[in-house]
Amino acid sequence: QRFYPNHHFEVPRFLSFGSWIGGDRDGHPFVTVDVTN
């Protein structure tokens, strides 16, 4: 708004987050289907 005062912007989603705690089962015997669920 400060640099383009005459233009209206519809800002899309530009942030998203992820994790693999509870999903990373490679060599981790305690990450099971039940744990992922």
PDB file of all heavy atoms in Angstrom:
ATOM      1  N   GLN A   1       0.825  -1.204   0.000  1.00  0.00           N
ATOM      2  CA  GLN A   1       0.000   0.000   0.000  1.00  0.00           C
ATOM      3  C   GLN A   1       0.864   1.261   0.000  1.00  0.00           C
ATOM      4  O   GLN A   1       0.544   2.261  -0.655  1.00  0.00           O
ATOM      5  CB  GLN A   1      -0.920  -0.002   1.225  1.00  0.00           C
ATOM      6  CG  GLN A   1      -1.811   1.217   1.375  1.00  0.00           C
ATOM      7  CD  GLN A   1      -2.802   1.373   0.221  1.00  0.00           C
ATOM      8  OE1 GLN A   1      -3.255   0.380  -0.335  1.00  0.00           O
ATOM      9  NE2 GLN A   1      -3.114   2.616  -0.150  1.00  0.00           N
ATOM     10  N   ARG A   2       1.984   1.194   0.721  1.00  0.00           N
ATOM     11  CA  ARG A   2       2.857   2.362   0.811  1.00  0.00           C
ATOM     12  C   ARG A   2       3.540   2.652  -0.520  1.00  0.00           C
ATOM     13  O   ARG A   2       3.642   3.805  -0.936  1.00  0.00           O
ATOM     14  CB  ARG A   2       3.900   2.126   1.917  1.00  0.00           C
ATOM     15  CG  ARG A   2       4.793   3.327   2.187  1.00  0.00           C
ATOM     16  CD  ARG A   2       5.575   3.182   3.480  1.00  0.00           C
ATOM     17  NE  ARG A   2       6.584   2.137   3.421  1.00  0.00           N
ATOM     18  CZ  ARG A   2       6.502   0.968   4.042  1.00  0.00           C
ATOM     19  NH1 ARG A   2       5.430   0.670   4.764  1.00  0.00           N
ATOM     20  NH2 ARG A   2       7.473   0.084   3.947  1.00  0.00           N
ATOM     21  N   PHE A   3       3.999   1.610  -1.193  1.00  0.00           N
ATOM     22  CA  PHE A   3       4.772   1.817  -2.422  1.00  0.00           C
ATOM     23  C   PHE A   3       3.906   1.808  -3.687  1.00  0.00           C
ATOM     24  O   PHE A   3       4.330   2.310  -4.723  1.00  0.00           O
ATOM     25  CB  PHE A   3       5.873   0.753  -2.524  1.00  0.00           C
ATOM     26  CG  PHE A   3       6.991   0.968  -1.543  1.00  0.00           C
ATOM     27  CD1 PHE A   3       7.034   0.245  -0.358  1.00  0.00           C
ATOM     28  CD2 PHE A   3       7.980   1.915  -1.777  1.00  0.00           C
ATOM     29  CE1 PHE A   3       8.050   0.445   0.563  1.00  0.00           C
ATOM     30  CE2 PHE A   3       9.003   2.118  -0.863  1.00  0.00           C
ATOM     31  CZ  PHE A   3       9.044   1.387   0.308  1.00  0.00           C
ATOM     32  N   TYR A   4       2.706   1.210  -3.596  1.00  0.00           N
ATOM     33  CA  TYR A   4       1.791   1.189  -4.750  1.00  0.00           C
ATOM     34  C   TYR A   4       0.405   1.653  -4.289  1.00  0.00           C
ATOM     35  O   TYR A   4      -0.542   0.869  -4.259  1.00  0.00           O
ATOM     36  CB  TYR A   4       1.707  -0.212  -5.351  1.00  0.00           C
ATOM     37  CG  TYR A   4       3.041  -0.765  -5.802  1.00  0.00           C
ATOM     38  CD1 TYR A   4       3.789  -1.579  -4.953  1.00  0.00           C
ATOM     39  CD2 TYR A   4       3.555  -0.472  -7.071  1.00  0.00           C
ATOM     40  CE1 TYR A   4       5.019  -2.082  -5.354  1.00  0.00           C
ATOM     41  CE2 TYR A   4       4.787  -0.977  -7.472  1.00  0.00           C
ATOM     42  CZ  TYR A   4       5.515  -1.782  -6.609  1.00  0.00           C
ATOM     43  OH  TYR A   4       6.727  -2.277  -7.004  1.00  0.00           O
ATOM     44  N   PRO A   5       0.282   2.919  -3.899  1.00  0.00           N
ATOM     45  CA  PRO A   5      -0.960   3.396  -3.273  1.00  0.00           C
ATOM     46  C   PRO A   5      -2.180   3.343  -4.188  1.00  0.00           C
ATOM     47  O   PRO A   5      -3.309   3.337  -3.696  1.00  0.00           O
ATOM     48  CB  PRO A   5      -0.615   4.847  -2.889  1.00  0.00           C
ATOM     49  CG  PRO A   5       0.507   5.227  -3.805  1.00  0.00           C
ATOM     50  CD  PRO A   5       1.294   3.980  -4.025  1.00  0.00           C
ATOM     51  N   ASN A   6      -1.985   3.290  -5.493  1.00  0.00           N
ATOM     52  CA  ASN A   6      -3.117   3.325  -6.425  1.00  0.00           C
ATOM     53  C   ASN A   6      -3.519   1.947  -6.934  1.00  0.00           C
ATOM     54  O   ASN A   6      -4.335   1.829  -7.841  1.00  0.00           O
ATOM     55  CB  ASN A   6      -2.785   4.230  -7.623  1.00  0.00           C
ATOM     56  CG  ASN A   6      -2.522   5.663  -7.197  1.00  0.00           C
ATOM     57  OD1 ASN A   6      -3.234   6.180  -6.333  1.00  0.00           O
ATOM     58  ND2 ASN A   6      -1.502   6.290  -7.768  1.00  0.00           N
ATOM     59  N   HIS A   7      -2.922   0.914  -6.359  1.00  0.00           N
ATOM     60  CA  HIS A   7      -3.220  -0.439  -6.827  1.00  0.00           C
ATOM     61  C   HIS A   7      -3.713  -1.299  -5.665  1.00  0.00           C
ATOM     62  O   HIS A   7      -3.168  -1.250  -4.566  1.00  0.00           O
ATOM     63  CB  HIS A   7      -1.975  -1.081  -7.447  1.00  0.00           C
ATOM     64  CG  HIS A   7      -2.252  -2.390  -8.118  1.00  0.00           C
ATOM     65  ND1 HIS A   7      -2.738  -2.472  -9.404  1.00  0.00           N
ATOM     66  CD2 HIS A   7      -2.142  -3.670  -7.671  1.00  0.00           C
ATOM     67  CE1 HIS A   7      -2.893  -3.746  -9.726  1.00  0.00           C
ATOM     68  NE2 HIS A   7      -2.541  -4.491  -8.692  1.00  0.00           N
ATOM     69  N   HIS A   8      -4.755  -2.085  -5.922  1.00  0.00           N
ATOM     70  CA  HIS A   8      -5.274  -2.997  -4.905  1.00  0.00           C
ATOM     71  C   HIS A   8      -4.711  -4.396  -5.144  1.00  0.00           C
ATOM     72  O   HIS A   8      -4.843  -4.947  -6.232  1.00  0.00           O
ATOM     73  CB  HIS A   8      -6.800  -3.048  -4.948  1.00  0.00           C
ATOM     74  CG  HIS A   8      -7.381  -4.093  -4.035  1.00  0.00           C
ATOM     75  ND1 HIS A   8      -7.369  -3.973  -2.665  1.00  0.00           N
ATOM     76  CD2 HIS A   8      -7.964  -5.297  -4.315  1.00  0.00           C
ATOM     77  CE1 HIS A   8      -7.931  -5.054  -2.130  1.00  0.00           C
ATOM     78  NE2 HIS A   8      -8.294  -5.865  -3.106  1.00  0.00           N
ATOM     79  N   PHE A   9      -4.073  -4.953  -4.137  1.00  0.00           N
ATOM     80  CA  PHE A   9      -3.494  -6.292  -4.238  1.00  0.00           C
ATOM     81  C   PHE A   9      -4.337  -7.293  -3.447  1.00  0.00           C
ATOM     82  O   PHE A   9      -4.721  -7.021  -2.305  1.00  0.00           O
ATOM     83  CB  PHE A   9      -2.066  -6.311  -3.665  1.00  0.00           C
ATOM     84  CG  PHE A   9      -1.056  -5.586  -4.498  1.00  0.00           C
ATOM     85  CD1 PHE A   9      -0.768  -4.245  -4.255  1.00  0.00           C
ATOM     86  CD2 PHE A   9      -0.382  -6.225  -5.533  1.00  0.00           C
ATOM     87  CE1 PHE A   9       0.173  -3.569  -5.017  1.00  0.00           C
ATOM     88  CE2 PHE A   9       0.553  -5.566  -6.303  1.00  0.00           C
ATOM     89  CZ  PHE A   9       0.832  -4.230  -6.040  1.00  0.00           C
ATOM     90  N   GLU A  10      -4.597  -8.447  -4.059  1.00  0.00           N
ATOM     91  CA  GLU A  10      -5.162  -9.581  -3.335  1.00  0.00           C
ATOM     92  C   GLU A  10      -3.995 -10.512  -3.000  1.00  0.00           C
ATOM     93  O   GLU A  10      -3.506 -11.237  -3.856  1.00  0.00           O
ATOM     94  CB  GLU A  10      -6.207 -10.311  -4.186  1.00  0.00           C
ATOM     95  CG  GLU A  10      -7.554  -9.625  -4.262  1.00  0.00           C
ATOM     96  CD  GLU A  10      -8.264  -9.577  -2.916  1.00  0.00           C
ATOM     97  OE1 GLU A  10      -7.999 -10.458  -2.069  1.00  0.00           O
ATOM     98  OE2 GLU A  10      -9.069  -8.649  -2.708  1.00  0.00           O
ATOM     99  N   VAL A  11      -3.538 -10.464  -1.768  1.00  0.00           N
ATOM    100  CA  VAL A  11      -2.351 -11.232  -1.371  1.00  0.00           C
ATOM    101  C   VAL A  11      -2.737 -12.697  -1.205  1.00  0.00           C
ATOM    102  O   VAL A  11      -3.599 -13.033  -0.393  1.00  0.00           O
ATOM    103  CB  VAL A  11      -1.762 -10.684  -0.054  1.00  0.00           C
ATOM    104  CG1 VAL A  11      -0.567 -11.536   0.391  1.00  0.00           C
ATOM    105  CG2 VAL A  11      -1.347  -9.232  -0.238  1.00  0.00           C
ATOM    106  N   PRO A  12      -2.132 -13.587  -1.967  1.00  0.00           N
ATOM    107  CA  PRO A  12      -2.449 -15.022  -1.836  1.00  0.00           C
ATOM    108  C   PRO A  12      -1.748 -15.616  -0.616  1.00  0.00           C
ATOM    109  O   PRO A  12      -0.969 -14.938   0.067  1.00  0.00           O
ATOM    110  CB  PRO A  12      -1.876 -15.617  -3.127  1.00  0.00           C
ATOM    111  CG  PRO A  12      -0.694 -14.755  -3.411  1.00  0.00           C
ATOM    112  CD  PRO A  12      -1.083 -13.361  -2.968  1.00  0.00           C
ATOM    113  N   ARG A  13      -2.018 -16.870  -0.352  1.00  0.00           N
ATOM    114  CA  ARG A  13      -1.307 -17.547   0.728  1.00  0.00           C
ATOM    115  C   ARG A  13       0.148 -17.738   0.300  1.00  0.00           C
ATOM    116  O   ARG A  13       0.429 -18.407  -0.683  1.00  0.00           O
ATOM    117  CB  ARG A  13      -1.934 -18.917   1.023  1.00  0.00           C
ATOM    118  CG  ARG A  13      -1.233 -19.629   2.186  1.00  0.00           C
ATOM    119  CD  ARG A  13      -1.909 -20.925   2.550  1.00  0.00           C
ATOM    120  NE  ARG A  13      -1.576 -21.994   1.619  1.00  0.00           N
ATOM    121  CZ  ARG A  13      -1.868 -23.278   1.823  1.00  0.00           C
ATOM    122  NH1 ARG A  13      -2.544 -23.632   2.889  1.00  0.00           N
ATOM    123  NH2 ARG A  13      -1.533 -24.187   0.939  1.00  0.00           N
ATOM    124  N   PHE A  14       1.067 -17.148   1.053  1.00  0.00           N
ATOM    125  CA  PHE A  14       2.470 -17.314   0.710  1.00  0.00           C
ATOM    126  C   PHE A  14       3.252 -17.984   1.840  1.00  0.00           C
ATOM    127  O   PHE A  14       4.471 -18.156   1.742  1.00  0.00           O
ATOM    128  CB  PHE A  14       3.116 -15.967   0.345  1.00  0.00           C
ATOM    129  CG  PHE A  14       3.121 -14.940   1.454  1.00  0.00           C
ATOM    130  CD1 PHE A  14       4.144 -14.909   2.389  1.00  0.00           C
ATOM    131  CD2 PHE A  14       2.121 -13.998   1.549  1.00  0.00           C
ATOM    132  CE1 PHE A  14       4.163 -13.961   3.399  1.00  0.00           C
ATOM    133  CE2 PHE A  14       2.122 -13.051   2.550  1.00  0.00           C
ATOM    134  CZ  PHE A  14       3.145 -13.018   3.487  1.00  0.00           C
ATOM    135  N   LEU A  15       2.565 -18.360   2.906  1.00  0.00           N
ATOM    136  CA  LEU A  15       3.200 -19.085   4.003  1.00  0.00           C
ATOM    137  C   LEU A  15       2.443 -20.385   4.257  1.00  0.00           C
ATOM    138  O   LEU A  15       1.214 -20.410   4.271  1.00  0.00           O
ATOM    139  CB  LEU A  15       3.189 -18.247   5.294  1.00  0.00           C
ATOM    140  CG  LEU A  15       4.119 -17.034   5.356  1.00  0.00           C
ATOM    141  CD1 LEU A  15       3.836 -16.222   6.609  1.00  0.00           C
ATOM    142  CD2 LEU A  15       5.575 -17.472   5.331  1.00  0.00           C
ATOM    143  N   SER A  16       3.179 -21.447   4.438  1.00  0.00           N
ATOM    144  CA  SER A  16       2.581 -22.720   4.877  1.00  0.00           C
ATOM    145  C   SER A  16       3.654 -23.474   5.644  1.00  0.00           C
ATOM    146  O   SER A  16       4.851 -23.230   5.470  1.00  0.00           O
ATOM    147  CB  SER A  16       2.090 -23.545   3.680  1.00  0.00           C
ATOM    148  OG  SER A  16       3.169 -23.838   2.810  1.00  0.00           O
ATOM    149  N   PHE A  17       3.222 -24.376   6.504  1.00  0.00           N
ATOM    150  CA  PHE A  17       4.155 -25.037   7.402  1.00  0.00           C
ATOM    151  C   PHE A  17       3.969 -26.545   7.367  1.00  0.00           C
ATOM    152  O   PHE A  17       2.877 -27.039   7.070  1.00  0.00           O
ATOM    153  CB  PHE A  17       3.984 -24.500   8.829  1.00  0.00           C
ATOM    154  CG  PHE A  17       4.196 -23.010   8.919  1.00  0.00           C
ATOM    155  CD1 PHE A  17       3.131 -22.131   8.803  1.00  0.00           C
ATOM    156  CD2 PHE A  17       5.469 -22.492   9.061  1.00  0.00           C
ATOM    157  CE1 PHE A  17       3.322 -20.760   8.845  1.00  0.00           C
ATOM    158  CE2 PHE A  17       5.676 -21.121   9.104  1.00  0.00           C
ATOM    159  CZ  PHE A  17       4.605 -20.252   8.998  1.00  0.00           C
ATOM    160  N   GLY A  18       5.026 -27.236   7.668  1.00  0.00           N
ATOM    161  CA  GLY A  18       4.976 -28.696   7.657  1.00  0.00           C
ATOM    162  C   GLY A  18       5.856 -29.279   8.740  1.00  0.00           C
ATOM    163  O   GLY A  18       6.686 -28.593   9.338  1.00  0.00           O
ATOM    164  N   SER A  19       5.676 -30.568   8.964  1.00  0.00           N
ATOM    165  CA  SER A  19       6.468 -31.283   9.963  1.00  0.00           C
ATOM    166  C   SER A  19       6.558 -32.740   9.544  1.00  0.00           C
ATOM    167  O   SER A  19       5.724 -33.226   8.774  1.00  0.00           O
ATOM    168  CB  SER A  19       5.792 -31.182  11.344  1.00  0.00           C
ATOM    169  OG  SER A  19       6.430 -32.039  12.282  1.00  0.00           O
ATOM    170  N   TRP A  20       7.584 -33.432  10.016  1.00  0.00           N
ATOM    171  CA  TRP A  20       7.573 -34.884   9.819  1.00  0.00           C
ATOM    172  C   TRP A  20       7.721 -35.615  11.149  1.00  0.00           C
ATOM    173  O   TRP A  20       7.951 -36.801  11.185  1.00  0.00           O
ATOM    174  CB  TRP A  20       8.571 -35.339   8.769  1.00  0.00           C
ATOM    175  CG  TRP A  20      10.035 -35.117   9.039  1.00  0.00           C
ATOM    176  CD1 TRP A  20      10.621 -34.695  10.188  1.00  0.00           C
ATOM    177  CD2 TRP A  20      11.093 -35.341   8.099  1.00  0.00           C
ATOM    178  NE1 TRP A  20      11.972 -34.622  10.019  1.00  0.00           N
ATOM    179  CE2 TRP A  20      12.291 -35.015   8.750  1.00  0.00           C
ATOM    180  CE3 TRP A  20      11.129 -35.791   6.785  1.00  0.00           C
ATOM    181  CZ2 TRP A  20      13.526 -35.110   8.130  1.00  0.00           C
ATOM    182  CZ3 TRP A  20      12.366 -35.887   6.173  1.00  0.00           C
ATOM    183  CH2 TRP A  20      13.548 -35.552   6.835  1.00  0.00           C
ATOM    184  N   ILE A  21       7.573 -34.872  12.268  1.00  0.00           N
ATOM    185  CA  ILE A  21       7.538 -35.524  13.584  1.00  0.00           C
ATOM    186  C   ILE A  21       6.264 -36.358  13.651  1.00  0.00           C
ATOM    187  O   ILE A  21       5.159 -35.836  13.508  1.00  0.00           O
ATOM    188  CB  ILE A  21       7.547 -34.495  14.731  1.00  0.00           C
ATOM    189  CG1 ILE A  21       8.703 -33.516  14.580  1.00  0.00           C
ATOM    190  CG2 ILE A  21       7.630 -35.201  16.075  1.00  0.00           C
ATOM    191  CD1 ILE A  21       8.665 -32.369  15.588  1.00  0.00           C
ATOM    192  N   GLY A  22       6.399 -37.636  13.857  1.00  0.00           N
ATOM    193  CA  GLY A  22       5.234 -38.525  13.871  1.00  0.00           C
ATOM    194  C   GLY A  22       4.951 -39.142  12.516  1.00  0.00           C
ATOM    195  O   GLY A  22       4.083 -40.005  12.392  1.00  0.00           O
ATOM    196  N   GLY A  23       5.667 -38.700  11.480  1.00  0.00           N
ATOM    197  CA  GLY A  23       5.479 -39.263  10.149  1.00  0.00           C
ATOM    198  C   GLY A  23       6.732 -39.893   9.582  1.00  0.00           C
ATOM    199  O   GLY A  23       6.672 -40.667   8.636  1.00  0.00           O
ATOM    200  N   ASP A  24       7.873 -39.562  10.170  1.00  0.00           N
ATOM    201  CA  ASP A  24       9.156 -40.060   9.668  1.00  0.00           C
ATOM    202  C   ASP A  24       9.461 -41.407  10.301  1.00  0.00           C
ATOM    203  O   ASP A  24       9.917 -41.488  11.427  1.00  0.00           O
ATOM    204  CB  ASP A  24      10.254 -39.045   9.994  1.00  0.00           C
ATOM    205  CG  ASP A  24      11.613 -39.475   9.467  1.00  0.00           C
ATOM    206  OD1 ASP A  24      11.637 -40.399   8.633  1.00  0.00           O
ATOM    207  OD2 ASP A  24      12.624 -38.893   9.885  1.00  0.00           O
ATOM    208  N   ARG A  25       9.183 -42.479   9.543  1.00  0.00           N
ATOM    209  CA  ARG A  25       9.356 -43.816  10.101  1.00  0.00           C
ATOM    210  C   ARG A  25      10.603 -44.507   9.574  1.00  0.00           C
ATOM    211  O   ARG A  25      10.827 -45.683   9.827  1.00  0.00           O
ATOM    212  CB  ARG A  25       8.136 -44.691   9.821  1.00  0.00           C
ATOM    213  CG  ARG A  25       7.914 -44.934   8.363  1.00  0.00           C
ATOM    214  CD  ARG A  25       6.525 -44.564   7.893  1.00  0.00           C
ATOM    215  NE  ARG A  25       5.452 -45.043   8.719  1.00  0.00           N
ATOM    216  CZ  ARG A  25       4.605 -44.251   9.349  1.00  0.00           C
ATOM    217  NH1 ARG A  25       4.718 -42.946   9.216  1.00  0.00           N
ATOM    218  NH2 ARG A  25       3.641 -44.736  10.087  1.00  0.00           N
ATOM    219  N   ASP A  26      11.451 -43.821   8.816  1.00  0.00           N
ATOM    220  CA  ASP A  26      12.641 -44.444   8.251  1.00  0.00           C
ATOM    221  C   ASP A  26      13.636 -44.768   9.369  1.00  0.00           C
ATOM    222  O   ASP A  26      14.317 -43.886   9.894  1.00  0.00           O
ATOM    223  CB  ASP A  26      13.285 -43.499   7.228  1.00  0.00           C
ATOM    224  CG  ASP A  26      14.532 -44.091   6.606  1.00  0.00           C
ATOM    225  OD1 ASP A  26      14.692 -45.322   6.660  1.00  0.00           O
ATOM    226  OD2 ASP A  26      15.349 -43.331   6.072  1.00  0.00           O
ATOM    227  N   GLY A  27      13.712 -46.036   9.743  1.00  0.00           N
ATOM    228  CA  GLY A  27      14.624 -46.450  10.790  1.00  0.00           C
ATOM    229  C   GLY A  27      14.155 -46.102  12.192  1.00  0.00           C
ATOM    230  O   GLY A  27      14.905 -46.234  13.155  1.00  0.00           O
ATOM    231  N   HIS A  28      12.919 -45.635  12.332  1.00  0.00           N
ATOM    232  CA  HIS A  28      12.378 -45.263  13.646  1.00  0.00           C
ATOM    233  C   HIS A  28      11.270 -46.249  14.001  1.00  0.00           C
ATOM    234  O   HIS A  28      10.131 -46.100  13.547  1.00  0.00           O
ATOM    235  CB  HIS A  28      11.826 -43.838  13.595  1.00  0.00           C
ATOM    236  CG  HIS A  28      11.625 -43.212  14.948  1.00  0.00           C
ATOM    237  ND1 HIS A  28      11.156 -43.912  16.038  1.00  0.00           N
ATOM    238  CD2 HIS A  28      11.847 -41.946  15.385  1.00  0.00           C
ATOM    239  CE1 HIS A  28      11.079 -43.107  17.069  1.00  0.00           C
ATOM    240  NE2 HIS A  28      11.493 -41.908  16.707  1.00  0.00           N
ATOM    241  N   PRO A  29      11.559 -47.268  14.803  1.00  0.00           N
ATOM    242  CA  PRO A  29      10.574 -48.323  15.068  1.00  0.00           C
ATOM    243  C   PRO A  29       9.353 -47.864  15.856  1.00  0.00           C
ATOM    244  O   PRO A  29       8.329 -48.550  15.874  1.00  0.00           O
ATOM    245  CB  PRO A  29      11.381 -49.359  15.866  1.00  0.00           C
ATOM    246  CG  PRO A  29      12.473 -48.563  16.519  1.00  0.00           C
ATOM    247  CD  PRO A  29      12.823 -47.485  15.537  1.00  0.00           C
ATOM    248  N   PHE A  30       9.443 -46.694  16.505  1.00  0.00           N
ATOM    249  CA  PHE A  30       8.325 -46.242  17.340  1.00  0.00           C
ATOM    250  C   PHE A  30       7.331 -45.371  16.573  1.00  0.00           C
ATOM    251  O   PHE A  30       6.312 -44.976  17.125  1.00  0.00           O
ATOM    252  CB  PHE A  30       8.860 -45.486  18.569  1.00  0.00           C
ATOM    253  CG  PHE A  30       9.768 -46.326  19.424  1.00  0.00           C
ATOM    254  CD1 PHE A  30      11.116 -46.043  19.527  1.00  0.00           C
ATOM    255  CD2 PHE A  30       9.272 -47.425  20.111  1.00  0.00           C
ATOM    256  CE1 PHE A  30      11.954 -46.816  20.296  1.00  0.00           C
ATOM    257  CE2 PHE A  30      10.101 -48.210  20.892  1.00  0.00           C
ATOM    258  CZ  PHE A  30      11.453 -47.907  20.988  1.00  0.00           C
ATOM    259  N   VAL A  31       7.637 -45.040  15.322  1.00  0.00           N
ATOM    260  CA  VAL A  31       6.670 -44.310  14.490  1.00  0.00           C
ATOM    261  C   VAL A  31       5.847 -45.351  13.742  1.00  0.00           C
ATOM    262  O   VAL A  31       6.278 -45.937  12.761  1.00  0.00           O
ATOM    263  CB  VAL A  31       7.376 -43.353  13.503  1.00  0.00           C
ATOM    264  CG1 VAL A  31       6.341 -42.640  12.634  1.00  0.00           C
ATOM    265  CG2 VAL A  31       8.213 -42.337  14.256  1.00  0.00           C
ATOM    266  N   THR A  32       4.647 -45.580  14.238  1.00  0.00           N
ATOM    267  CA  THR A  32       3.745 -46.592  13.684  1.00  0.00           C
ATOM    268  C   THR A  32       2.552 -45.906  13.019  1.00  0.00           C
ATOM    269  O   THR A  32       2.411 -44.677  13.078  1.00  0.00           O
ATOM    270  CB  THR A  32       3.242 -47.516  14.798  1.00  0.00           C
ATOM    271  OG1 THR A  32       2.488 -46.720  15.743  1.00  0.00           O
ATOM    272  CG2 THR A  32       4.406 -48.199  15.521  1.00  0.00           C
ATOM    273  N   VAL A  33       1.682 -46.712  12.421  1.00  0.00           N
ATOM    274  CA  VAL A  33       0.459 -46.175  11.817  1.00  0.00           C
ATOM    275  C   VAL A  33      -0.378 -45.465  12.877  1.00  0.00           C
ATOM    276  O   VAL A  33      -0.917 -44.374  12.636  1.00  0.00           O
ATOM    277  CB  VAL A  33      -0.355 -47.306  11.157  1.00  0.00           C
ATOM    278  CG1 VAL A  33      -1.719 -46.789  10.716  1.00  0.00           C
ATOM    279  CG2 VAL A  33       0.387 -47.858   9.951  1.00  0.00           C
ATOM    280  N   ASP A  34      -0.473 -46.060  14.057  1.00  0.00           N
ATOM    281  CA  ASP A  34      -1.262 -45.455  15.125  1.00  0.00           C
ATOM    282  C   ASP A  34      -0.669 -44.112  15.554  1.00  0.00           C
ATOM    283  O   ASP A  34      -1.402 -43.145  15.788  1.00  0.00           O
ATOM    284  CB  ASP A  34      -1.333 -46.408  16.324  1.00  0.00           C
ATOM    285  CG  ASP A  34      -2.225 -45.859  17.439  1.00  0.00           C
ATOM    286  OD1 ASP A  34      -3.398 -45.553  17.162  1.00  0.00           O
ATOM    287  OD2 ASP A  34      -1.731 -45.720  18.580  1.00  0.00           O
ATOM    288  N   VAL A  35       0.653 -44.034  15.638  1.00  0.00           N
ATOM    289  CA  VAL A  35       1.318 -42.776  16.012  1.00  0.00           C
ATOM    290  C   VAL A  35       1.069 -41.709  14.953  1.00  0.00           C
ATOM    291  O   VAL A  35       0.779 -40.547  15.270  1.00  0.00           O
ATOM    292  CB  VAL A  35       2.826 -43.011  16.233  1.00  0.00           C
ATOM    293  CG1 VAL A  35       3.587 -41.691  16.228  1.00  0.00           C
ATOM    294  CG2 VAL A  35       3.072 -43.740  17.537  1.00  0.00           C
ATOM    295  N   THR A  36       1.168 -42.072  13.681  1.00  0.00           N
ATOM    296  CA  THR A  36       0.911 -41.107  12.604  1.00  0.00           C
ATOM    297  C   THR A  36      -0.532 -40.629  12.638  1.00  0.00           C
ATOM    298  O   THR A  36      -0.821 -39.440  12.440  1.00  0.00           O
ATOM    299  CB  THR A  36       1.240 -41.733  11.235  1.00  0.00           C
ATOM    300  OG1 THR A  36       2.620 -42.114  11.217  1.00  0.00           O
ATOM    301  CG2 THR A  36       0.985 -40.757  10.100  1.00  0.00           C
ATOM    302  N   ASN A  37      -1.459 -41.548  12.905  1.00  0.00           N
ATOM    303  CA  ASN A  37      -2.867 -41.167  13.024  1.00  0.00           C
ATOM    304  C   ASN A  37      -3.070 -40.210  14.193  1.00  0.00           C
ATOM    305  O   ASN A  37      -3.772 -39.200  14.071  1.00  0.00           O
ATOM    306  CB  ASN A  37      -3.730 -42.422  13.203  1.00  0.00           C
ATOM    307  CG  ASN A  37      -5.213 -42.113  13.097  1.00  0.00           C
ATOM    308  OD1 ASN A  37      -5.622 -41.188  12.395  1.00  0.00           O
ATOM    309  ND2 ASN A  37      -6.022 -42.869  13.802  1.00  0.00           N
TER     310      ASN A  37
END
